[in-house]
C-alpha atoms as a PDB file:
ATOM      1  CA  MET A   1      -0.318  -0.311  -0.447  1.00  0.00           C
ATOM      2  CA  VAL A   2       1.430   3.099  -0.869  1.00  0.00           C
ATOM      3  CA  ASP A   3       0.155   6.473   0.227  1.00  0.00           C
ATOM      4  CA  SER A   4       0.633   8.675  -2.182  1.00  0.00           C
ATOM      5  CA  ARG A   5       0.242  11.534  -0.586  1.00  0.00           C
ATOM      6  CA  THR A   6       3.425  12.076   0.767  1.00  0.00           C
ATOM      7  CA  ASN A   7       6.789  12.966  -0.806  1.00  0.00           C
ATOM      8  CA  PHE A   8       8.146  10.960   1.117  1.00  0.00           C
ATOM      9  CA  ALA A   9       6.092   7.985   0.229  1.00  0.00           C
ATOM     10  CA  LYS A  10       6.480   8.577  -3.979  1.00  0.00           C
ATOM     11  CA  GLU A  11      10.992   8.670  -3.093  1.00  0.00           C
ATOM     12  CA  ILE A  12       9.979   6.158  -1.862  1.00  0.00           C
ATOM     13  CA  SER A  13       8.054   4.079  -4.680  1.00  0.00           C
ATOM     14  CA  ALA A  14      10.635   5.372  -7.477  1.00  0.00           C
ATOM     15  CA  LEU A  15      13.650   4.619  -5.582  1.00  0.00           C
ATOM     16  CA  LEU A  16      12.382   0.356  -5.661  1.00  0.00           C
ATOM     17  CA  ARG A  17      11.080   0.735  -9.429  1.00  0.00           C
ATOM     18  CA  GLU A  18      14.508   2.536 -10.234  1.00  0.00           C
ATOM     19  CA  THR A  19      16.609  -0.378  -7.971  1.00  0.00           C
ATOM     20  CA  TYR A  20      14.836  -2.959  -8.612  1.00  0.00           C
ATOM     21  CA  GLY A  21      13.102  -2.556 -11.856  1.00  0.00           C
ATOM     22  CA  SER A  22      15.739  -4.309 -14.176  1.00  0.00           C
ATOM     23  CA  LYS A  23      15.975  -7.343 -11.752  1.00  0.00           C
ATOM     24  CA  ILE A  24      12.504  -8.698 -10.803  1.00  0.00           C
ATOM     25  CA  LYS A  25       9.056  -7.182 -11.903  1.00  0.00           C
ATOM     26  CA  VAL A  26       7.507  -4.409  -9.991  1.00  0.00           C
ATOM     27  CA  PHE A  27       3.902  -3.491 -10.807  1.00  0.00           C
ATOM     28  CA  THR A  28       2.668   0.181 -11.980  1.00  0.00           C
ATOM     29  CA  THR A  29      -0.129  -0.494  -9.770  1.00  0.00           C
ATOM     30  CA  GLU A  30      -0.012   1.081  -6.377  1.00  0.00           C
ATOM     31  CA  ILE A  31      -2.539   0.298  -3.973  1.00  0.00           C
ATOM     32  CA  PRO A  32      -3.567   3.128  -2.230  1.00  0.00           C
ATOM     33  CA  HIS A  33      -4.050   3.376   1.743  1.00  0.00           C
ATOM     34  CA  SER A  34      -7.486   4.354   2.657  1.00  0.00           C
ATOM     35  CA  VAL A  35      -9.727   4.490   5.627  1.00  0.00           C
ATOM     36  CA  ARG A  36     -12.814   1.643   3.832  1.00  0.00           C
ATOM     37  CA  ALA A  37      -9.912  -0.435   3.066  1.00  0.00           C
ATOM     38  CA  LYS A  38      -8.858  -0.521   7.076  1.00  0.00           C
ATOM     39  CA  GLU A  39     -12.657  -1.180   7.630  1.00  0.00           C
ATOM     40  CA  ALA A  40     -12.688  -3.839   5.700  1.00  0.00           C
ATOM     41  CA  SER A  41     -10.191  -5.972   6.904  1.00  0.00           C
ATOM     42  CA  ALA A  42     -11.553  -4.552  10.078  1.00  0.00           C
ATOM     43  CA  GLU A  43     -15.060  -6.287   9.567  1.00  0.00           C
ATOM     44  CA  GLY A  44     -13.218  -9.501   7.381  1.00  0.00           C
ATOM     45  CA  LYS A  45     -14.696  -8.605   4.481  1.00  0.00           C
ATOM     46  CA  SER A  46     -13.023  -8.365   1.169  1.00  0.00           C
ATOM     47  CA  ILE A  47     -12.294  -4.643  -0.368  1.00  0.00           C
ATOM     48  CA  TYR A  48     -15.012  -5.733  -2.907  1.00  0.00           C
ATOM     49  CA  ALA A  49     -18.172  -6.459  -0.966  1.00  0.00           C
ATOM     50  CA  HIS A  50     -17.688  -3.025   1.395  1.00  0.00           C
ATOM     51  CA  ASP A  51     -16.603  -1.025  -1.259  1.00  0.00           C
ATOM     52  CA  PRO A  52     -17.054  -2.058  -4.432  1.00  0.00           C
ATOM     53  CA  ASN A  53     -16.828   1.606  -6.478  1.00  0.00           C
ATOM     54  CA  GLY A  54     -13.771   2.562  -4.062  1.00  0.00           C
ATOM     55  CA  LYS A  55     -10.090   3.245  -5.251  1.00  0.00           C
ATOM     56  CA  VAL A  56      -9.139   0.241  -3.271  1.00  0.00           C
ATOM     57  CA  ALA A  57     -10.786  -1.695  -5.228  1.00  0.00           C
ATOM     58  CA  GLU A  58     -10.329  -0.315  -8.456  1.00  0.00           C
ATOM     59  CA  ALA A  59      -6.907  -0.448  -7.792  1.00  0.00           C
ATOM     60  CA  TYR A  60      -6.716  -3.946  -6.932  1.00  0.00           C
ATOM     61  CA  ALA A  61      -8.630  -5.062 -10.384  1.00  0.00           C
ATOM     62  CA  ASN A  62      -5.715  -3.267 -12.081  1.00  0.00           C
ATOM     63  CA  LEU A  63      -2.944  -5.258 -10.476  1.00  0.00           C
ATOM     64  CA  THR A  64      -5.044  -8.274 -11.097  1.00  0.00           C
ATOM     65  CA  LYS A  65      -5.124  -7.071 -14.805  1.00  0.00           C
ATOM     66  CA  GLU A  66      -1.335  -6.358 -14.681  1.00  0.00           C
ATOM     67  CA  VAL A  67      -0.767 -10.000 -13.135  1.00  0.00           C
ATOM     68  CA  LEU A  68      -2.769 -11.582 -15.296  1.00  0.00           C
ATOM     69  CA  LYS A  69      -1.379 -10.261 -18.607  1.00  0.00           C
ATOM     70  CA  LEU A  70       2.122 -10.847 -17.640  1.00  0.00           C
ATOM     71  CA  GLU A  71       0.788 -14.479 -16.813  1.00  0.00           C
ATOM     72  CA  LYS A  72      -0.500 -14.845 -20.298  1.00  0.00           C
ATOM     73  CA  GLN A  73       2.943 -13.773 -21.594  1.00  0.00           C
ATOM     74  CA  ARG A  74       4.916 -15.827 -20.102  1.00  0.00           C
ATOM     75  CA  LEU A  75       2.474 -18.683 -20.718  1.00  0.00           C
ATOM     76  CA  ALA A  76       2.450 -17.485 -24.459  1.00  0.00           C
ATOM     77  CA  GLY A  77       7.058 -18.347 -24.808  1.00  0.00           C
ATOM     78  CA  LYS A  78       6.175 -21.352 -22.810  1.00  0.00           C
ATOM     79  CA  ARG A  79       4.497 -22.552 -25.542  1.00  0.00           C
ATOM     80  CA  SER A  80       6.599 -21.516 -27.630  1.00  0.00           C
ATOM     81  CA  TRP A  81       9.348 -22.517 -26.501  1.00  0.00           C
ATOM     82  CA  ARG A  82       7.976 -25.591 -26.165  1.00  0.00           C
ATOM     83  CA  SER A  83       7.458 -26.139 -29.659  1.00  0.00           C
ATOM     84  CA  ARG A  84      10.840 -24.820 -30.653  1.00  0.00           C
ATOM     85  CA  CYS A  85      11.880 -28.338 -28.455  1.00  0.00           C
ATOM     86  CA  GLN A  86       9.625 -30.560 -29.577  1.00  0.00           C
ATOM     87  CA  ASN A  87      12.305 -32.752 -31.495  1.00  0.00           C
ATOM     88  CA  CYS A  88      14.970 -31.560 -29.674  1.00  0.00           C
ATOM     89  CA  THR A  89      17.380 -34.147 -29.003  1.00  0.00           C
ATOM     90  CA  HIS A  90      17.959 -33.036 -25.680  1.00  0.00           C
ATOM     91  CA  SER A  91      16.737 -35.188 -22.667  1.00  0.00           C
ATOM     92  CA  GLN A  92      13.737 -34.504 -20.885  1.00  0.00           C
ATOM     93  CA  THR A  93      15.959 -34.044 -17.312  1.00  0.00           C
ATOM     94  CA  ILE A  94      17.979 -31.266 -18.969  1.00  0.00           C
ATOM     95  CA  HIS A  95      14.770 -29.550 -19.902  1.00  0.00           C
ATOM     96  CA  SER A  96      13.324 -30.153 -16.400  1.00  0.00           C
ATOM     97  CA  ALA A  97      16.642 -28.409 -15.213  1.00  0.00           C
ATOM     98  CA  PHE A  98      17.076 -25.907 -17.575  1.00  0.00           C
ATOM     99  CA  GLY A  99      13.617 -24.917 -18.390  1.00  0.00           C
ATOM    100  CA  ARG A 100      13.522 -22.105 -19.928  1.00  0.00           C
ATOM    101  CA  MET A 101      17.454 -21.211 -21.379  1.00  0.00           C
ATOM    102  CA  MET A 102      17.324 -24.400 -23.085  1.00  0.00           C
ATOM    103  CA  PRO A 103      17.513 -23.585 -27.274  1.00  0.00           C
END
């Protein structure tokens, strides 16, 4: 969760993206702080049940879209890799050990 109202939070977000963005996937969606989210948690409800049209629910929906898009790209790459190696001479053990690193 990010409190985008403060300069400190903005600086930390930028620093995380700058430091780790080339090494790991840092999603663009930021989940904002919200009293509604705290209320939902206290009531044991999901944000979608408590405040389905709020900014936190919208942010989680956007994050979900980002994750699904990334997964779709990953699976497409995996299928592409499998089709290239379908007739190769590598053993299944090598494919398991090295995954997508093989040709």
